[in-house]
Amino acid sequence: MPITADYIRIADEIVADIRAGRFAPGAKLPSITQLAATHKVSPSTVKQVYVRLEALRVIRRHQGKGVFVNDPKLWMREP
């Protein structure tokens, strides 16, 4: 079984949480520090998570305000 990088695994978990309705469009996601503590990874790993999700248009980041879930119509495809 191939090993998945932590940042990809965590990003996939966040996407799954959004799809399941645990994070609504516009919801604020945990801070880098909070998510790092929750997943027991370094803050730099969480930064990679958020860079990946932003590139996929799943989230939008606002400096000084936080990280927010984008409207699923911008990125979600039917399963």
PDB file of N, CA and C in Angstrom:
ATOM      1  N   MET A   1       0.837  -1.178   0.000  1.00  0.00           N
ATOM      2  CA  MET A   1       0.000   0.000   0.000  1.00  0.00           C
ATOM      3  C   MET A   1       0.884   1.245   0.000  1.00  0.00           C
ATOM      4  N   PRO A   2       0.687   2.157  -0.951  1.00  0.00           N
ATOM      5  CA  PRO A   2       1.548   3.341  -1.015  1.00  0.00           C
ATOM      6  C   PRO A   2       1.277   4.285   0.162  1.00  0.00           C
ATOM      7  N   ILE A   3       2.318   4.958   0.579  1.00  0.00           N
ATOM      8  CA  ILE A   3       2.202   5.920   1.670  1.00  0.00           C
ATOM      9  C   ILE A   3       1.815   7.271   1.080  1.00  0.00           C
ATOM     10  N   THR A   4       0.781   7.889   1.642  1.00  0.00           N
ATOM     11  CA  THR A   4       0.320   9.192   1.191  1.00  0.00           C
ATOM     12  C   THR A   4       0.927  10.258   2.084  1.00  0.00           C
ATOM     13  N   ALA A   5       1.414  11.319   1.469  1.00  0.00           N
ATOM     14  CA  ALA A   5       1.988  12.422   2.233  1.00  0.00           C
ATOM     15  C   ALA A   5       0.929  12.995   3.174  1.00  0.00           C
ATOM     16  N   ASP A   6       1.376  13.440   4.351  1.00  0.00           N
ATOM     17  CA  ASP A   6       0.450  13.971   5.354  1.00  0.00           C
ATOM     18  C   ASP A   6      -0.402  15.103   4.799  1.00  0.00           C
ATOM     19  N   TYR A   7       0.204  16.006   4.038  1.00  0.00           N
ATOM     20  CA  TYR A   7      -0.567  17.156   3.564  1.00  0.00           C
ATOM     21  C   TYR A   7      -1.670  16.744   2.587  1.00  0.00           C
ATOM     22  N   ILE A   8      -1.445  15.712   1.802  1.00  0.00           N
ATOM     23  CA  ILE A   8      -2.474  15.224   0.884  1.00  0.00           C
ATOM     24  C   ILE A   8      -3.578  14.521   1.669  1.00  0.00           C
ATOM     25  N   ARG A   9      -3.197  13.713   2.630  1.00  0.00           N
ATOM     26  CA  ARG A   9      -4.174  12.999   3.464  1.00  0.00           C
ATOM     27  C   ARG A   9      -5.073  13.987   4.208  1.00  0.00           C
ATOM     28  N   ILE A  10      -4.480  15.005   4.814  1.00  0.00           N
ATOM     29  CA  ILE A  10      -5.263  15.987   5.565  1.00  0.00           C
ATOM     30  C   ILE A  10      -6.159  16.797   4.630  1.00  0.00           C
ATOM     31  N   ALA A  11      -5.631  17.182   3.480  1.00  0.00           N
ATOM     32  CA  ALA A  11      -6.447  17.920   2.495  1.00  0.00           C
ATOM     33  C   ALA A  11      -7.640  17.072   2.066  1.00  0.00           C
ATOM     34  N   ASP A  12      -7.413  15.792   1.814  1.00  0.00           N
ATOM     35  CA  ASP A  12      -8.509  14.892   1.434  1.00  0.00           C
ATOM     36  C   ASP A  12      -9.551  14.771   2.548  1.00  0.00           C
ATOM     37  N   GLU A  13      -9.092  14.753   3.798  1.00  0.00           N
ATOM     38  CA  GLU A  13     -10.025  14.688   4.928  1.00  0.00           C
ATOM     39  C   GLU A  13     -10.892  15.939   4.999  1.00  0.00           C
ATOM     40  N   ILE A  14     -10.291  17.099   4.756  1.00  0.00           N
ATOM     41  CA  ILE A  14     -11.048  18.354   4.783  1.00  0.00           C
ATOM     42  C   ILE A  14     -12.084  18.369   3.666  1.00  0.00           C
ATOM     43  N   VAL A  15     -11.691  17.931   2.477  1.00  0.00           N
ATOM     44  CA  VAL A  15     -12.641  17.865   1.361  1.00  0.00           C
ATOM     45  C   VAL A  15     -13.789  16.917   1.708  1.00  0.00           C
ATOM     46  N   ALA A  16     -13.464  15.778   2.314  1.00  0.00           N
ATOM     47  CA  ALA A  16     -14.510  14.823   2.716  1.00  0.00           C
ATOM     48  C   ALA A  16     -15.442  15.447   3.753  1.00  0.00           C
ATOM     49  N   ASP A  17     -14.883  16.209   4.680  1.00  0.00           N
ATOM     50  CA  ASP A  17     -15.715  16.890   5.686  1.00  0.00           C
ATOM     51  C   ASP A  17     -16.639  17.910   5.042  1.00  0.00           C
ATOM     52  N   ILE A  18     -16.147  18.622   4.042  1.00  0.00           N
ATOM     53  CA  ILE A  18     -16.977  19.601   3.333  1.00  0.00           C
ATOM     54  C   ILE A  18     -18.099  18.885   2.590  1.00  0.00           C
ATOM     55  N   ARG A  19     -17.752  17.820   1.877  1.00  0.00           N
ATOM     56  CA  ARG A  19     -18.761  17.050   1.142  1.00  0.00           C
ATOM     57  C   ARG A  19     -19.831  16.483   2.075  1.00  0.00           C
ATOM     58  N   ALA A  20     -19.428  16.107   3.291  1.00  0.00           N
ATOM     59  CA  ALA A  20     -20.353  15.524   4.260  1.00  0.00           C
ATOM     60  C   ALA A  20     -21.174  16.589   4.992  1.00  0.00           C
ATOM     61  N   GLY A  21     -20.873  17.852   4.721  1.00  0.00           N
ATOM     62  CA  GLY A  21     -21.640  18.928   5.343  1.00  0.00           C
ATOM     63  C   GLY A  21     -21.118  19.393   6.687  1.00  0.00           C
ATOM     64  N   ARG A  22     -19.943  18.928   7.099  1.00  0.00           N
ATOM     65  CA  ARG A  22     -19.387  19.352   8.382  1.00  0.00           C
ATOM     66  C   ARG A  22     -18.846  20.783   8.315  1.00  0.00           C
ATOM     67  N   PHE A  23     -18.522  21.245   7.111  1.00  0.00           N
ATOM     68  CA  PHE A  23     -18.126  22.636   6.879  1.00  0.00           C
ATOM     69  C   PHE A  23     -18.995  23.166   5.755  1.00  0.00           C
ATOM     70  N   ALA A  24     -19.771  24.175   6.031  1.00  0.00           N
ATOM     71  CA  ALA A  24     -20.657  24.780   5.030  1.00  0.00           C
ATOM     72  C   ALA A  24     -19.887  25.812   4.216  1.00  0.00           C
ATOM     73  N   PRO A  25     -20.398  26.165   3.036  1.00  0.00           N
ATOM     74  CA  PRO A  25     -19.769  27.240   2.261  1.00  0.00           C
ATOM     75  C   PRO A  25     -19.678  28.501   3.114  1.00  0.00           C
ATOM     76  N   GLY A  26     -18.519  29.115   3.105  1.00  0.00           N
ATOM     77  CA  GLY A  26     -18.288  30.323   3.889  1.00  0.00           C
ATOM     78  C   GLY A  26     -17.812  30.061   5.306  1.00  0.00           C
ATOM     79  N   ALA A  27     -17.831  28.794   5.727  1.00  0.00           N
ATOM     80  CA  ALA A  27     -17.391  28.456   7.083  1.00  0.00           C
ATOM     81  C   ALA A  27     -15.897  28.704   7.233  1.00  0.00           C
ATOM     82  N   LYS A  28     -15.520  29.144   8.412  1.00  0.00           N
ATOM     83  CA  LYS A  28     -14.109  29.367   8.715  1.00  0.00           C
ATOM     84  C   LYS A  28     -13.477  28.049   9.156  1.00  0.00           C
ATOM     85  N   LEU A  29     -12.355  27.704   8.562  1.00  0.00           N
ATOM     86  CA  LEU A  29     -11.632  26.487   8.921  1.00  0.00           C
ATOM     87  C   LEU A  29     -10.680  26.788  10.081  1.00  0.00           C
ATOM     88  N   PRO A  30     -10.195  25.747  10.746  1.00  0.00           N
ATOM     89  CA  PRO A  30      -9.266  25.958  11.864  1.00  0.00           C
ATOM     90  C   PRO A  30      -7.995  26.681  11.410  1.00  0.00           C
ATOM     91  N   SER A  31      -7.368  27.362  12.350  1.00  0.00           N
ATOM     92  CA  SER A  31      -6.106  28.037  12.055  1.00  0.00           C
ATOM     93  C   SER A  31      -5.014  27.001  11.787  1.00  0.00           C
ATOM     94  N   ILE A  32      -3.916  27.465  11.256  1.00  0.00           N
ATOM     95  CA  ILE A  32      -2.783  26.577  10.977  1.00  0.00           C
ATOM     96  C   ILE A  32      -2.324  25.905  12.269  1.00  0.00           C
ATOM     97  N   THR A  33      -2.228  26.675  13.341  1.00  0.00           N
ATOM     98  CA  THR A  33      -1.790  26.127  14.627  1.00  0.00           C
ATOM     99  C   THR A  33      -2.767  25.084  15.151  1.00  0.00           C
ATOM    100  N   GLN A  34      -4.063  25.378  15.061  1.00  0.00           N
ATOM    101  CA  GLN A  34      -5.071  24.435  15.553  1.00  0.00           C
ATOM    102  C   GLN A  34      -5.058  23.136  14.756  1.00  0.00           C
ATOM    103  N   LEU A  35      -5.002  23.248  13.435  1.00  0.00           N
ATOM    104  CA  LEU A  35      -5.022  22.054  12.590  1.00  0.00           C
ATOM    105  C   LEU A  35      -3.748  21.230  12.775  1.00  0.00           C
ATOM    106  N   ALA A  36      -2.608  21.905  12.959  1.00  0.00           N
ATOM    107  CA  ALA A  36      -1.353  21.197  13.198  1.00  0.00           C
ATOM    108  C   ALA A  36      -1.432  20.395  14.493  1.00  0.00           C
ATOM    109  N   ALA A  37      -1.993  20.991  15.532  1.00  0.00           N
ATOM    110  CA  ALA A  37      -2.118  20.294  16.818  1.00  0.00           C
ATOM    111  C   ALA A  37      -3.086  19.117  16.711  1.00  0.00           C
ATOM    112  N   THR A  38      -4.202  19.320  16.021  1.00  0.00           N
ATOM    113  CA  THR A  38      -5.213  18.274  15.870  1.00  0.00           C
ATOM    114  C   THR A  38      -4.651  17.050  15.151  1.00  0.00           C
ATOM    115  N   HIS A  39      -3.862  17.292  14.094  1.00  0.00           N
ATOM    116  CA  HIS A  39      -3.340  16.189  13.278  1.00  0.00           C
ATOM    117  C   HIS A  39      -1.921  15.776  13.655  1.00  0.00           C
ATOM    118  N   LYS A  40      -1.373  16.448  14.666  1.00  0.00           N
ATOM    119  CA  LYS A  40      -0.018  16.139  15.139  1.00  0.00           C
ATOM    120  C   LYS A  40       1.011  16.209  14.007  1.00  0.00           C
ATOM    121  N   VAL A  41       0.960  17.326  13.283  1.00  0.00           N
ATOM    122  CA  VAL A  41       1.922  17.602  12.217  1.00  0.00           C
ATOM    123  C   VAL A  41       2.482  19.006  12.432  1.00  0.00           C
ATOM    124  N   SER A  42       3.483  19.360  11.664  1.00  0.00           N
ATOM    125  CA  SER A  42       4.072  20.690  11.799  1.00  0.00           C
ATOM    126  C   SER A  42       3.189  21.745  11.115  1.00  0.00           C
ATOM    127  N   PRO A  43       3.316  22.985  11.551  1.00  0.00           N
ATOM    128  CA  PRO A  43       2.576  24.063  10.881  1.00  0.00           C
ATOM    129  C   PRO A  43       2.905  24.171   9.393  1.00  0.00           C
ATOM    130  N   SER A  44       4.130  23.847   9.006  1.00  0.00           N
ATOM    131  CA  SER A  44       4.484  23.919   7.578  1.00  0.00           C
ATOM    132  C   SER A  44       3.699  22.886   6.759  1.00  0.00           C
ATOM    133  N   THR A  45       3.376  21.750   7.368  1.00  0.00           N
ATOM    134  CA  THR A  45       2.551  20.748   6.680  1.00  0.00           C
ATOM    135  C   THR A  45       1.153  21.292   6.453  1.00  0.00           C
ATOM    136  N   VAL A  46       0.603  21.966   7.458  1.00  0.00           N
ATOM    137  CA  VAL A  46      -0.732  22.548   7.319  1.00  0.00           C
ATOM    138  C   VAL A  46      -0.727  23.658   6.272  1.00  0.00           C
ATOM    139  N   LYS A  47       0.351  24.413   6.209  1.00  0.00           N
ATOM    140  CA  LYS A  47       0.456  25.441   5.170  1.00  0.00           C
ATOM    141  C   LYS A  47       0.372  24.790   3.794  1.00  0.00           C
ATOM    142  N   GLN A  48       1.027  23.637   3.626  1.00  0.00           N
ATOM    143  CA  GLN A  48       0.948  22.905   2.358  1.00  0.00           C
ATOM    144  C   GLN A  48      -0.485  22.449   2.081  1.00  0.00           C
ATOM    145  N   VAL A  49      -1.194  22.033   3.122  1.00  0.00           N
ATOM    146  CA  VAL A  49      -2.597  21.628   2.982  1.00  0.00           C
ATOM    147  C   VAL A  49      -3.396  22.786   2.410  1.00  0.00           C
ATOM    148  N   TYR A  50      -3.253  23.950   3.021  1.00  0.00           N
ATOM    149  CA  TYR A  50      -4.035  25.103   2.600  1.00  0.00           C
ATOM    150  C   TYR A  50      -3.620  25.608   1.221  1.00  0.00           C
ATOM    151  N   VAL A  51      -2.350  25.511   0.878  1.00  0.00           N
ATOM    152  CA  VAL A  51      -1.902  25.879  -0.475  1.00  0.00           C
ATOM    153  C   VAL A  51      -2.545  24.948  -1.495  1.00  0.00           C
ATOM    154  N   ARG A  52      -2.561  23.658  -1.194  1.00  0.00           N
ATOM    155  CA  ARG A  52      -3.174  22.674  -2.098  1.00  0.00           C
ATOM    156  C   ARG A  52      -4.669  22.939  -2.273  1.00  0.00           C
ATOM    157  N   LEU A  53      -5.383  23.143  -1.161  1.00  0.00           N
ATOM    158  CA  LEU A  53      -6.822  23.368  -1.240  1.00  0.00           C
ATOM    159  C   LEU A  53      -7.153  24.690  -1.933  1.00  0.00           C
ATOM    160  N   GLU A  54      -6.312  25.689  -1.751  1.00  0.00           N
ATOM    161  CA  GLU A  54      -6.534  26.966  -2.433  1.00  0.00           C
ATOM    162  C   GLU A  54      -6.317  26.809  -3.940  1.00  0.00           C
ATOM    163  N   ALA A  55      -5.312  26.046  -4.327  1.00  0.00           N
ATOM    164  CA  ALA A  55      -5.057  25.797  -5.751  1.00  0.00           C
ATOM    165  C   ALA A  55      -6.219  25.051  -6.403  1.00  0.00           C
ATOM    166  N   LEU A  56      -6.883  24.205  -5.627  1.00  0.00           N
ATOM    167  CA  LEU A  56      -8.038  23.453  -6.127  1.00  0.00           C
ATOM    168  C   LEU A  56      -9.338  24.250  -6.013  1.00  0.00           C
ATOM    169  N   ARG A  57      -9.238  25.470  -5.494  1.00  0.00           N
ATOM    170  CA  ARG A  57     -10.367  26.394  -5.316  1.00  0.00           C
ATOM    171  C   ARG A  57     -11.371  25.923  -4.266  1.00  0.00           C
ATOM    172  N   VAL A  58     -10.931  25.038  -3.370  1.00  0.00           N
ATOM    173  CA  VAL A  58     -11.795  24.536  -2.310  1.00  0.00           C
ATOM    174  C   VAL A  58     -11.935  25.589  -1.211  1.00  0.00           C
ATOM    175  N   ILE A  59     -10.869  26.339  -0.976  1.00  0.00           N
ATOM    176  CA  ILE A  59     -10.869  27.359   0.072  1.00  0.00           C
ATOM    177  C   ILE A  59     -10.386  28.683  -0.493  1.00  0.00           C
ATOM    178  N   ARG A  60     -10.586  29.717   0.327  1.00  0.00           N
ATOM    179  CA  ARG A  60      -9.973  31.014   0.038  1.00  0.00           C
ATOM    180  C   ARG A  60      -9.366  31.498   1.350  1.00  0.00           C
ATOM    181  N   ARG A  61      -8.201  32.100   1.243  1.00  0.00           N
ATOM    182  CA  ARG A  61      -7.504  32.592   2.432  1.00  0.00           C
ATOM    183  C   ARG A  61      -7.532  34.111   2.437  1.00  0.00           C
ATOM    184  N   HIS A  62      -7.771  34.670   3.612  1.00  0.00           N
ATOM    185  CA  HIS A  62      -7.745  36.113   3.795  1.00  0.00           C
ATOM    186  C   HIS A  62      -6.768  36.399   4.918  1.00  0.00           C
ATOM    187  N   GLN A  63      -5.655  37.043   4.566  1.00  0.00           N
ATOM    188  CA  GLN A  63      -4.621  37.316   5.553  1.00  0.00           C
ATOM    189  C   GLN A  63      -5.206  38.095   6.727  1.00  0.00           C
ATOM    190  N   GLY A  64      -4.935  37.613   7.910  1.00  0.00           N
ATOM    191  CA  GLY A  64      -5.398  38.258   9.120  1.00  0.00           C
ATOM    192  C   GLY A  64      -6.825  37.900   9.518  1.00  0.00           C
ATOM    193  N   LYS A  65      -7.549  37.217   8.635  1.00  0.00           N
ATOM    194  CA  LYS A  65      -8.940  36.857   8.934  1.00  0.00           C
ATOM    195  C   LYS A  65      -9.132  35.352   9.047  1.00  0.00           C
ATOM    196  N   GLY A  66      -8.465  34.582   8.198  1.00  0.00           N
ATOM    197  CA  GLY A  66      -8.593  33.139   8.274  1.00  0.00           C
ATOM    198  C   GLY A  66      -8.762  32.472   6.925  1.00  0.00           C
ATOM    199  N   VAL A  67      -9.161  31.214   6.999  1.00  0.00           N
ATOM    200  CA  VAL A  67      -9.339  30.361   5.829  1.00  0.00           C
ATOM    201  C   VAL A  67     -10.805  29.965   5.773  1.00  0.00           C
ATOM    202  N   PHE A  68     -11.425  30.123   4.595  1.00  0.00           N
ATOM    203  CA  PHE A  68     -12.853  29.913   4.455  1.00  0.00           C
ATOM    204  C   PHE A  68     -13.169  28.962   3.308  1.00  0.00           C
ATOM    205  N   VAL A  69     -14.248  28.203   3.456  1.00  0.00           N
ATOM    206  CA  VAL A  69     -14.691  27.251   2.442  1.00  0.00           C
ATOM    207  C   VAL A  69     -15.341  28.019   1.290  1.00  0.00           C
ATOM    208  N   ASN A  70     -14.914  27.723   0.082  1.00  0.00           N
ATOM    209  CA  ASN A  70     -15.521  28.310  -1.111  1.00  0.00           C
ATOM    210  C   ASN A  70     -16.845  27.625  -1.422  1.00  0.00           C
ATOM    211  N   ASP A  71     -17.636  28.283  -2.234  1.00  0.00           N
ATOM    212  CA  ASP A  71     -18.881  27.707  -2.728  1.00  0.00           C
ATOM    213  C   ASP A  71     -18.538  26.436  -3.514  1.00  0.00           C
ATOM    214  N   PRO A  72     -19.139  25.303  -3.169  1.00  0.00           N
ATOM    215  CA  PRO A  72     -18.828  24.048  -3.864  1.00  0.00           C
ATOM    216  C   PRO A  72     -19.043  24.103  -5.370  1.00  0.00           C
ATOM    217  N   LYS A  73     -19.903  24.993  -5.846  1.00  0.00           N
ATOM    218  CA  LYS A  73     -20.111  25.106  -7.292  1.00  0.00           C
ATOM    219  C   LYS A  73     -18.831  25.493  -8.015  1.00  0.00           C
ATOM    220  N   LEU A  74     -17.891  26.107  -7.306  1.00  0.00           N
ATOM    221  CA  LEU A  74     -16.625  26.520  -7.907  1.00  0.00           C
ATOM    222  C   LEU A  74     -15.638  25.364  -8.082  1.00  0.00           C
ATOM    223  N   TRP A  75     -15.830  24.298  -7.307  1.00  0.00           N
ATOM    224  CA  TRP A  75     -14.824  23.232  -7.345  1.00  0.00           C
ATOM    225  C   TRP A  75     -15.361  21.810  -7.290  1.00  0.00           C
ATOM    226  N   MET A  76     -16.525  21.589  -6.754  1.00  0.00           N
ATOM    227  CA  MET A  76     -16.999  20.214  -6.558  1.00  0.00           C
ATOM    228  C   MET A  76     -17.622  19.656  -7.816  1.00  0.00           C
ATOM    229  N   ARG A  77     -17.243  18.448  -8.118  1.00  0.00           N
ATOM    230  CA  ARG A  77     -17.844  17.721  -9.241  1.00  0.00           C
ATOM    231  C   ARG A  77     -18.724  16.635  -8.678  1.00  0.00           C
ATOM    232  N   GLU A  78     -19.707  16.260  -9.452  1.00  0.00           N
ATOM    233  CA  GLU A  78     -20.588  15.161  -9.026  1.00  0.00           C
ATOM    234  C   GLU A  78     -19.786  13.885  -8.880  1.00  0.00           C
ATOM    235  N   PRO A  79     -20.031  13.108  -7.819  1.00  0.00           N
ATOM    236  CA  PRO A  79     -19.279  11.844  -7.640  1.00  0.00           C
ATOM    237  C   PRO A  79     -19.617  10.804  -8.680  1.00  0.00           C
TER     238      PRO A  79
END
